[in-house]
């Protein structure tokens, strides 16, 4: 092999040279990637709503010996606890060897995703067709949600306080639903409209039936037939929709994508991909130096508001209980803590390259993306991590051999977005975003690289360790 020139040696020493993980990982690691992502695909298929994500996670926590957290109780290093917030958000923790007064390591992800939520009075009949009216949840391109198979997920709380879980459309033997669209033969005027106006929010009516109830004296017989079917299966009446949380989500499973099986196509990568990586690192934490605190939050897609979003104090309350049990002030715990806000970022898409600045964008298969700031229009609404926090995370990732990259959410004036990072940082916690780059983000079918998923898990594992 020829001796390297002075310029080549300096280039290795001084310059950055990001590489695709397909070039870097050996066969053994690539097999570990595939194995890890099989579990992730199963998680995706079982956790299409935040309630389901909590339920599936609880099953996993029990297998790993987690117990419900008790405020005021003294815990030992290695003890594993959890607490659930209203069935839609949760916190898991593994007690560390150091006292919590020295800070904790927080990994925060959200488990809600864009979808179509049923309105409080959803059921209606028009032209002998029965529909559910919806209000879309989160930022979506409306046209992407028409003419695709949808499943119904959620919970109905009856007047007596009892509840019924609903899942229809996931099993191949079950019916699915859809929002209809206009045929191109008659869509001349529709196709002249801007994409934001081609489908309007009030047109998100989910088609659910067309058979009438067999009674000539009854009115709205198709609606009546649907309500009768629901009553027979779930024991609910129409007024029970007033106290229900029902959502329509894509009815297809997570699948390997690409001839090389290097990617996963699925609904809900944003942000269950980071949640799963975060969860697996939490489960496998054994006697960590610092207490690990893994947060699954709701409502990120609508601004993190409400009692189950991270503008709520449910995380701070949990940390305050930890602090009080060890005789310290929660403000001191928070000031010495560090948080990885585990959320996705946009991957570079050659089909839409004009919205990205190539030197500062994330690429598929180059590892999790460390996002110093998000926001829009001059970093508005962002958590902008300080240089010390970036340096701290760099050291952890490099020392652990994690392949990672940096990126922004598009060009400076192209748009932008946010994560839960600023809500954690508001409690005086050093916080930065790290997560998986995603193609077709917020679409009913998103794409991630398996290597990126696995390496995000390794990043969280290193952070917790």
Protein backbone atom coordinates (compact mmCIF):
# COMPACT_ATOMS: atom_id res chain seq x y z
CA UNK A 1 0.00 0.00 0.00
CA UNK A 2 1.37 3.40 -0.99
CA UNK A 3 2.38 5.73 1.82
CA UNK A 4 -0.13 8.50 2.44
CA UNK A 5 0.85 12.02 1.50
CA UNK A 6 1.04 14.86 4.01
CA UNK A 7 -2.18 16.28 2.56
CA UNK A 8 -3.99 12.96 2.93
CA UNK A 9 -2.86 12.61 6.54
CA UNK A 10 -3.92 16.18 7.31
CA UNK A 11 -7.26 15.54 5.64
CA UNK A 12 -7.88 12.53 7.90
CA UNK A 13 -6.87 14.55 10.94
CA UNK A 14 -8.68 17.80 10.23
CA UNK A 15 -11.60 17.21 7.87
CA UNK A 16 -15.00 15.58 8.36
CA UNK A 17 -15.79 12.57 6.17
CA UNK A 18 -19.29 11.21 6.84
CA UNK A 19 -19.89 7.71 5.49
CA UNK A 20 -22.89 5.56 4.67
CA UNK A 21 -23.23 2.81 7.27
CA UNK A 22 -23.44 0.23 4.51
CA UNK A 23 -19.70 0.85 4.08
CA UNK A 24 -18.88 0.89 7.79
CA UNK A 25 -20.75 -1.95 9.52
CA UNK A 26 -19.55 -5.54 9.45
CA UNK A 27 -21.82 -8.51 8.69
CA UNK A 28 -22.34 -9.33 12.37
CA UNK A 29 -23.55 -5.79 13.12
CA UNK A 30 -25.75 -5.73 10.04
CA UNK A 31 -27.42 -8.93 11.28
CA UNK A 32 -27.93 -7.28 14.69
CA UNK A 33 -29.58 -4.39 12.82
CA UNK A 34 -32.02 -6.76 11.12
CA UNK A 35 -32.83 -8.56 14.36
CA UNK A 36 -33.43 -5.31 16.25
CA UNK A 37 -35.77 -4.00 13.56
CA UNK A 38 -37.91 -7.13 13.60
CA UNK A 39 -38.89 -6.21 17.14
CA UNK A 40 -39.45 -2.62 16.09
CA UNK A 41 -41.84 -3.63 13.29
CA UNK A 42 -43.90 -5.67 15.75
CA UNK A 43 -44.01 -2.66 18.08
CA UNK A 44 -45.22 -0.43 15.23
CA UNK A 45 -48.04 -2.80 14.30
CA UNK A 46 -49.27 -3.10 17.87
CA UNK A 47 -48.89 0.56 18.87
CA UNK A 48 -50.75 2.72 16.36
CA UNK A 49 -52.11 5.10 18.99
CA UNK A 50 -50.53 6.54 22.11
CA UNK A 51 -52.81 4.41 24.32
CA UNK A 52 -51.70 1.27 22.52
CA UNK A 53 -48.04 2.32 22.77
CA UNK A 54 -48.47 2.61 26.54
CA UNK A 55 -50.20 -0.78 26.75
CA UNK A 56 -47.51 -2.57 24.71
CA UNK A 57 -44.74 -0.88 26.69
CA UNK A 58 -46.32 -1.95 29.97
CA UNK A 59 -46.18 -5.57 28.84
CA UNK A 60 -42.48 -5.19 28.10
CA UNK A 61 -41.77 -3.42 31.39
CA UNK A 62 -43.29 -6.28 33.38
CA UNK A 63 -41.00 -8.73 31.59
CA UNK A 64 -38.00 -6.66 32.66
CA UNK A 65 -39.04 -6.41 36.30
CA UNK A 66 -40.34 -2.83 36.45
CA UNK A 67 -42.78 -2.01 39.24
CA UNK A 68 -45.14 0.94 39.77
CA UNK A 69 -43.37 3.98 41.22
CA UNK A 70 -44.27 4.90 44.80
CA UNK A 71 -43.60 8.50 45.83
CA UNK A 72 -41.53 8.78 48.99
CA UNK A 73 -40.10 5.27 48.78
CA UNK A 74 -36.34 4.81 48.95
CA UNK A 75 -35.00 2.95 45.92
CA UNK A 76 -31.68 1.22 45.43
CA UNK A 77 -29.35 1.40 42.41
CA UNK A 78 -30.66 -0.83 39.65
CA UNK A 79 -34.32 -0.67 40.76
CA UNK A 80 -36.70 -0.21 37.84
CA UNK A 81 -39.98 1.73 38.16
CA UNK A 82 -42.68 3.28 36.00
CA UNK A 83 -45.69 5.56 36.22
CA UNK A 84 -48.52 6.06 33.72
CA UNK A 85 -50.29 9.35 33.06
CA UNK A 86 -53.94 8.86 32.05
CA UNK A 87 -53.15 5.87 29.85
CA UNK A 88 -51.55 8.07 27.17
CA UNK A 89 -48.15 9.07 28.55
CA UNK A 90 -45.66 7.40 30.86
CA UNK A 91 -42.28 7.57 32.57
CA UNK A 92 -39.86 4.70 33.14
CA UNK A 93 -36.71 4.91 35.27
CA UNK A 94 -33.74 2.82 36.33
CA UNK A 95 -32.11 4.05 39.53
CA UNK A 96 -28.47 5.01 39.20
CA UNK A 97 -25.46 4.64 41.47
CA UNK A 98 -25.09 8.39 41.92
CA UNK A 99 -27.61 10.37 44.00
CA UNK A 100 -30.23 12.17 41.92
CA UNK A 101 -28.95 15.46 43.38
CA UNK A 102 -26.13 15.08 40.84
CA UNK A 103 -28.66 14.99 38.01
CA UNK A 104 -30.38 12.35 35.90
CA UNK A 105 -30.27 11.30 32.23
CA UNK A 106 -33.58 11.99 30.48
CA UNK A 107 -34.66 10.48 27.16
CA UNK A 108 -37.91 12.06 25.95
CA UNK A 109 -39.95 10.83 22.99
CA UNK A 110 -43.54 11.31 21.90
CA UNK A 111 -45.89 8.46 21.02
CA UNK A 112 -48.69 10.34 19.25
CA UNK A 113 -48.79 10.50 15.44
CA UNK A 114 -50.82 12.36 12.78
CA UNK A 115 -54.20 10.71 12.19
CA UNK A 116 -57.93 11.35 11.71
CA UNK A 117 -59.84 11.70 14.99
CA UNK A 118 -63.59 11.12 15.09
CA UNK A 119 -65.65 14.15 16.09
CA UNK A 120 -67.84 13.95 19.24
CA UNK A 121 -70.92 13.42 17.03
CA UNK A 122 -69.34 11.54 14.13
CA UNK A 123 -72.03 9.26 12.70
CA UNK A 124 -74.25 10.50 9.86
CA UNK A 125 -76.03 9.28 6.75
CA UNK A 126 -76.08 10.95 3.33
CA UNK A 127 -77.46 9.47 0.10
CA UNK A 128 -77.90 6.08 1.81
CA UNK A 129 -74.22 5.97 2.78
CA UNK A 130 -73.01 6.02 6.39
CA UNK A 131 -69.98 8.05 7.42
CA UNK A 132 -67.90 9.10 10.40
CA UNK A 133 -66.97 12.78 10.49
CA UNK A 134 -63.38 13.50 11.58
CA UNK A 135 -61.06 16.28 12.64
CA UNK A 136 -57.50 15.63 11.52
CA UNK A 137 -54.80 15.55 14.20
CA UNK A 138 -51.36 17.03 13.62
CA UNK A 139 -49.74 18.48 10.52
CA UNK A 140 -50.72 16.51 7.43
CA UNK A 141 -50.97 16.87 3.66
CA UNK A 142 -54.68 16.26 3.36
CA UNK A 143 -54.62 14.68 -0.11
CA UNK A 144 -52.40 11.85 1.19
CA UNK A 145 -55.19 10.57 3.45
CA UNK A 146 -57.83 9.91 0.78
CA UNK A 147 -58.38 6.56 -0.95
CA UNK A 148 -56.21 4.52 1.43
CA UNK A 149 -57.37 1.73 3.75
CA UNK A 150 -58.01 2.92 7.29
CA UNK A 151 -58.46 1.07 10.58
CA UNK A 152 -60.37 2.32 13.60
CA UNK A 153 -58.56 2.38 16.96
CA UNK A 154 -59.44 3.82 20.34
CA UNK A 155 -61.56 3.66 23.44
CA UNK A 156 -65.22 4.36 24.19
CA UNK A 157 -66.12 5.37 27.74
CA UNK A 158 -69.78 4.70 28.50
CA UNK A 159 -72.02 6.80 30.69
CA UNK A 160 -71.61 4.36 33.58
CA UNK A 161 -67.83 4.82 33.49
CA UNK A 162 -66.99 1.47 31.94
CA UNK A 163 -64.80 1.52 28.84
CA UNK A 164 -64.46 -0.53 25.67
CA UNK A 165 -61.31 -0.78 23.55
CA UNK A 166 -61.90 -0.72 19.81
CA UNK A 167 -59.67 -2.04 17.03
CA UNK A 168 -61.27 -2.71 13.65
CA UNK A 169 -59.41 -3.15 10.37
CA UNK A 170 -56.02 -4.59 11.32
CA UNK A 171 -56.81 -8.30 11.00
CA UNK A 172 -57.14 -9.39 7.33
CA UNK A 173 -60.53 -10.89 8.19
CA UNK A 174 -61.87 -7.50 9.35
CA UNK A 175 -63.33 -4.70 7.23
CA UNK A 176 -61.40 -1.50 6.59
CA UNK A 177 -62.62 2.04 5.93
CA UNK A 178 -61.59 4.94 3.70
CA UNK A 179 -62.05 8.59 2.79
CA UNK A 180 -63.21 8.75 -0.81
CA UNK A 181 -61.74 11.03 -3.48
CA UNK A 182 -62.99 12.50 -6.74
CA UNK A 183 -62.33 10.57 -9.95
CA UNK A 184 -59.91 12.37 -12.35
CA UNK A 185 -62.59 12.40 -15.09
CA UNK A 186 -64.61 14.91 -13.04
CA UNK A 187 -61.78 16.61 -11.14
CA UNK A 188 -60.94 19.38 -13.61
CA UNK A 189 -61.84 22.16 -11.18
CA UNK A 190 -60.42 20.35 -8.15
CA UNK A 191 -57.04 19.90 -9.83
CA UNK A 192 -56.78 23.63 -10.50
CA UNK A 193 -56.83 24.31 -6.76
CA UNK A 194 -53.68 24.67 -4.63
CA UNK A 195 -52.72 21.36 -2.98
CA UNK A 196 -53.76 22.75 0.40
CA UNK A 197 -57.32 23.28 -0.90
CA UNK A 198 -57.83 20.22 -3.09
CA UNK A 199 -59.16 18.31 -0.08
CA UNK A 200 -60.77 20.27 2.75
CA UNK A 201 -60.86 19.20 6.37
CA UNK A 202 -64.65 18.80 6.37
CA UNK A 203 -64.34 16.34 3.47
CA UNK A 204 -62.56 13.85 5.71
CA UNK A 205 -65.68 11.72 6.06
CA UNK A 206 -64.88 8.04 6.54
CA UNK A 207 -67.12 5.68 4.60
CA UNK A 208 -68.37 2.95 6.93
CA UNK A 209 -71.45 1.32 5.37
CA UNK A 210 -74.30 1.30 2.86
CA UNK A 211 -76.72 -1.45 3.98
CA UNK A 212 -80.02 -0.19 5.43
CA UNK A 213 -81.69 -1.66 8.50
CA UNK A 214 -84.66 -3.74 7.34
CA UNK A 215 -87.56 -1.72 8.65
CA UNK A 216 -89.47 0.55 6.28
CA UNK A 217 -90.83 2.66 9.14
CA UNK A 218 -87.43 3.69 10.54
CA UNK A 219 -85.53 6.75 9.26
CA UNK A 220 -81.80 6.95 8.44
CA UNK A 221 -81.77 3.20 8.11
CA UNK A 222 -78.13 2.87 7.03
CA UNK A 223 -77.01 4.86 10.07
CA UNK A 224 -79.34 2.76 12.22
CA UNK A 225 -77.86 -0.45 10.85
CA UNK A 226 -74.33 0.73 11.69
CA UNK A 227 -75.38 1.76 15.18
CA UNK A 228 -77.06 -1.61 15.69
CA UNK A 229 -73.87 -3.44 14.66
CA UNK A 230 -71.85 -1.37 17.13
CA UNK A 231 -74.39 -2.01 19.88
CA UNK A 232 -74.29 -5.76 19.26
CA UNK A 233 -70.47 -5.88 19.34
CA UNK A 234 -69.60 -3.24 21.93
CA UNK A 235 -72.83 -2.45 23.76
CA UNK A 236 -72.59 1.26 22.90
CA UNK A 237 -75.24 3.78 21.88
CA UNK A 238 -74.76 6.91 19.80
CA UNK A 239 -74.37 9.21 22.81
CA UNK A 240 -71.34 7.17 23.91
CA UNK A 241 -69.37 8.77 21.07
CA UNK A 242 -69.44 11.94 23.18
CA UNK A 243 -66.99 10.34 25.59
CA UNK A 244 -64.89 8.36 23.11
CA UNK A 245 -61.40 8.72 21.69
CA UNK A 246 -61.51 7.01 18.31
CA UNK A 247 -58.98 7.50 15.53
CA UNK A 248 -58.63 6.34 11.95
CA UNK A 249 -55.09 5.26 11.07
CA UNK A 250 -53.59 3.48 8.04
CA UNK A 251 -54.60 -0.17 8.04
CA UNK A 252 -51.42 -1.71 6.66
CA UNK A 253 -48.51 -3.28 8.60
CA UNK A 254 -44.87 -2.23 8.78
CA UNK A 255 -42.89 -3.86 5.97
CA UNK A 256 -39.30 -4.19 4.83
CA UNK A 257 -38.71 -1.73 2.02
CA UNK A 258 -36.20 -2.11 -0.81
CA UNK A 259 -34.76 -5.16 -2.53
CA UNK A 260 -31.93 -5.11 0.00
CA UNK A 261 -34.39 -4.92 2.93
CA UNK A 262 -32.43 -1.93 4.21
CA UNK A 263 -35.45 0.22 5.09
CA UNK A 264 -38.85 0.01 6.79
CA UNK A 265 -42.01 1.50 5.34
CA UNK A 266 -44.78 2.14 7.84
CA UNK A 267 -47.26 4.51 9.39
CA UNK A 268 -46.08 6.12 12.62
CA UNK A 269 -42.27 6.27 12.45
CA UNK A 270 -42.60 9.86 13.73
CA UNK A 271 -41.98 9.39 16.57
CA UNK A 272 -42.40 5.77 17.56
CA UNK A 273 -39.09 4.98 15.92
CA UNK A 274 -37.24 7.06 18.52
CA UNK A 275 -39.58 5.92 21.28
CA UNK A 276 -38.73 2.28 20.58
CA UNK A 277 -34.98 2.93 20.43
CA UNK A 278 -35.28 4.90 23.68
CA UNK A 279 -37.36 2.16 25.29
CA UNK A 280 -34.92 -0.64 24.43
CA UNK A 281 -32.00 1.34 25.84
CA UNK A 282 -34.00 1.94 29.02
CA UNK A 283 -34.99 -1.71 29.40
CA UNK A 284 -31.39 -2.86 29.09
CA UNK A 285 -29.93 -0.30 31.49
CA UNK A 286 -28.34 -2.17 34.40
CA UNK A 287 -27.00 -0.25 37.42
CA UNK A 288 -26.32 2.92 35.42
CA UNK A 289 -24.11 5.66 36.87
CA UNK A 290 -26.90 8.24 36.66
CA UNK A 291 -30.61 7.48 37.06
CA UNK A 292 -32.22 7.04 33.64
CA UNK A 293 -35.62 8.65 33.08
CA UNK A 294 -37.41 7.64 29.87
CA UNK A 295 -40.46 9.71 28.98
CA UNK A 296 -43.19 8.82 26.48
CA UNK A 297 -45.28 11.95 25.93
CA UNK A 298 -48.55 12.62 24.16
CA UNK A 299 -49.78 15.64 22.16
CA UNK A 300 -46.45 16.62 20.56
CA UNK A 301 -48.09 16.83 17.15
CA UNK A 302 -50.49 19.49 18.43
CA UNK A 303 -48.07 21.54 20.53
CA UNK A 304 -47.42 19.31 23.59
CA UNK A 305 -50.39 20.84 25.40
CA UNK A 306 -52.82 19.17 27.78
CA UNK A 307 -52.22 17.05 30.85
CA UNK A 308 -50.40 14.32 28.88
CA UNK A 309 -48.20 16.64 26.82
CA UNK A 310 -44.79 17.89 27.92
CA UNK A 311 -46.07 21.37 28.64
CA UNK A 312 -47.73 19.61 31.56
CA UNK A 313 -45.68 19.16 34.72
CA UNK A 314 -46.04 15.40 34.94
CA UNK A 315 -42.31 14.94 34.26
CA UNK A 316 -41.28 17.63 36.75
CA UNK A 317 -43.63 16.16 39.37
CA UNK A 318 -42.01 12.74 38.96
CA UNK A 319 -38.54 14.25 39.29
CA UNK A 320 -39.63 16.21 42.34
CA UNK A 321 -40.75 12.96 43.98
CA UNK A 322 -37.31 11.46 43.22
CA UNK A 323 -35.60 14.51 44.69
CA UNK A 324 -37.68 14.61 47.86
CA UNK A 325 -37.07 10.91 48.51
CA UNK A 326 -33.33 11.67 48.63
CA UNK A 327 -33.67 14.96 50.51
CA UNK A 328 -32.72 17.38 47.74
CA UNK A 329 -34.44 20.18 45.83
CA UNK A 330 -35.87 19.36 42.40
CA UNK A 331 -34.38 22.55 40.96
CA UNK A 332 -30.91 21.29 41.80
CA UNK A 333 -31.65 17.91 40.20
CA UNK A 334 -32.91 19.63 37.03
CA UNK A 335 -29.99 22.02 36.71
CA UNK A 336 -27.54 19.11 36.78
CA UNK A 337 -29.52 16.85 34.44
CA UNK A 338 -29.16 16.28 30.72
CA UNK A 339 -31.81 15.32 28.17
CA UNK A 340 -31.84 13.81 24.72
CA UNK A 341 -35.09 14.83 23.08
CA UNK A 342 -35.46 11.76 20.88
CA UNK A 343 -37.34 12.94 17.83
CA UNK A 344 -36.99 12.48 14.09
CA UNK A 345 -35.66 14.91 11.52
CA UNK A 346 -36.19 15.13 7.76
CA UNK A 347 -33.92 12.98 5.59
CA UNK A 348 -32.57 14.40 2.34
CA UNK A 349 -34.86 13.45 -0.55
CA UNK A 350 -33.34 13.85 -4.06
CA UNK A 351 -36.85 14.29 -5.47
CA UNK A 352 -37.28 17.46 -3.39
CA UNK A 353 -33.68 18.61 -3.00
CA UNK A 354 -34.51 22.32 -3.31
CA UNK A 355 -35.80 22.53 0.29
CA UNK A 356 -32.56 21.21 1.82
CA UNK A 357 -29.14 22.77 2.32
CA UNK A 358 -26.93 19.81 1.50
CA UNK A 359 -24.09 20.54 3.92
CA UNK A 360 -26.48 20.77 6.87
CA UNK A 361 -29.12 18.17 6.20
CA UNK A 362 -29.50 14.58 7.39
CA UNK A 363 -29.08 11.61 5.06
CA UNK A 364 -30.63 8.16 5.23
CA UNK A 365 -28.23 5.49 6.50
CA UNK A 366 -25.74 7.94 8.01
CA UNK A 367 -26.88 7.41 11.60
CA UNK A 368 -29.07 9.35 14.03
CA UNK A 369 -29.13 13.08 13.45
CA UNK A 370 -28.06 15.45 16.22
CA UNK A 371 -30.18 18.59 15.80
CA UNK A 372 -28.76 21.57 17.70
CA UNK A 373 -31.84 23.68 17.00
CA UNK A 374 -35.18 23.36 15.23
CA UNK A 375 -37.73 26.17 14.95
CA UNK A 376 -38.40 28.35 11.91
CA UNK A 377 -37.84 31.86 10.60
CA UNK A 378 -34.76 32.82 12.63
CA UNK A 379 -34.88 29.88 15.08
CA UNK A 380 -38.29 30.93 16.37
CA UNK A 381 -39.73 28.52 18.91
CA UNK A 382 -36.62 26.40 19.28
CA UNK A 383 -34.41 24.97 21.96
CA UNK A 384 -30.91 25.89 20.78
CA UNK A 385 -28.51 23.63 22.65
CA UNK A 386 -25.32 25.31 23.88
CA UNK A 387 -21.86 24.32 22.68
CA UNK A 388 -21.06 22.55 25.95
CA UNK A 389 -24.05 20.24 25.56
CA UNK A 390 -23.14 19.46 21.95
CA UNK A 391 -19.58 18.72 23.02
CA UNK A 392 -20.81 16.47 25.83
CA UNK A 393 -22.95 14.38 23.47
CA UNK A 394 -20.20 14.25 20.83
CA UNK A 395 -17.83 12.67 23.34
CA UNK A 396 -20.38 10.09 24.46
CA UNK A 397 -21.30 9.04 20.91
CA UNK A 398 -17.74 8.92 19.58
CA UNK A 399 -16.42 7.02 22.60
CA UNK A 400 -19.18 4.42 22.11
CA UNK A 401 -18.46 4.02 18.39
CA UNK A 402 -21.88 5.37 17.40
CA UNK A 403 -22.19 6.53 13.80
CA UNK A 404 -24.05 9.86 13.83
CA UNK A 405 -24.58 13.04 11.85
CA UNK A 406 -25.93 16.56 12.25
CA UNK A 407 -28.77 18.25 10.40
CA UNK A 408 -31.30 21.04 10.21
CA UNK A 409 -34.98 20.81 9.29
CA UNK A 410 -34.61 22.24 5.78
CA UNK A 411 -33.24 25.51 4.45
CA UNK A 412 -33.39 28.59 6.65
CA UNK A 413 -36.53 30.06 5.08
CA UNK A 414 -38.08 26.84 3.76
CA UNK A 415 -40.32 26.21 6.78
CA UNK A 416 -39.36 24.45 9.98
CA UNK A 417 -40.81 22.68 12.98
CA UNK A 418 -40.25 21.80 16.61
CA UNK A 419 -40.01 18.98 19.13
CA UNK A 420 -40.50 18.53 22.86
CA UNK A 421 -36.95 19.77 23.52
CA UNK A 422 -37.92 23.32 24.44
CA UNK A 423 -40.45 22.12 27.00
CA UNK A 424 -37.87 20.01 28.82
CA UNK A 425 -35.26 22.77 28.56
CA UNK A 426 -37.77 25.18 30.13
CA UNK A 427 -37.13 23.35 33.43
CA UNK A 428 -33.44 24.37 33.27
CA UNK A 429 -32.29 21.06 31.79
CA UNK A 430 -29.51 20.91 29.17
CA UNK A 431 -31.36 19.45 26.18
CA UNK A 432 -30.63 18.56 22.57
CA UNK A 433 -32.52 16.67 19.85
CA UNK A 434 -31.30 13.33 18.53
CA UNK A 435 -33.29 10.99 16.33
CA UNK A 436 -33.81 9.05 13.15
CA UNK A 437 -33.92 10.77 9.73
CA UNK A 438 -37.23 10.07 7.94
CA UNK A 439 -38.44 10.23 4.35
CA UNK A 440 -42.07 11.27 3.71
CA UNK A 441 -42.46 12.50 7.30
CA UNK A 442 -46.09 12.89 8.46
CA UNK A 443 -47.37 10.92 5.47
CA UNK A 444 -49.49 7.81 6.05
CA UNK A 445 -46.45 5.82 4.90
CA UNK A 446 -43.03 6.97 6.16
CA UNK A 447 -39.59 5.48 5.45
CA UNK A 448 -36.58 4.97 7.71
CA UNK A 449 -33.25 3.17 7.39
CA UNK A 450 -32.85 0.12 9.61
CA UNK A 451 -29.23 1.06 10.35
CA UNK A 452 -30.37 4.48 11.56
CA UNK A 453 -32.94 2.88 13.87
CA UNK A 454 -30.37 0.55 15.39
CA UNK A 455 -27.73 3.24 15.76
CA UNK A 456 -30.24 5.52 17.52
CA UNK A 457 -30.73 2.73 20.04
CA UNK A 458 -26.95 2.45 20.46
CA UNK A 459 -26.77 6.23 20.97
CA UNK A 460 -29.39 6.10 23.72
CA UNK A 461 -27.67 3.11 25.27
CA UNK A 462 -24.40 5.06 25.43
CA UNK A 463 -26.16 8.13 26.87
CA UNK A 464 -27.78 6.05 29.60
CA UNK A 465 -24.65 4.04 30.32
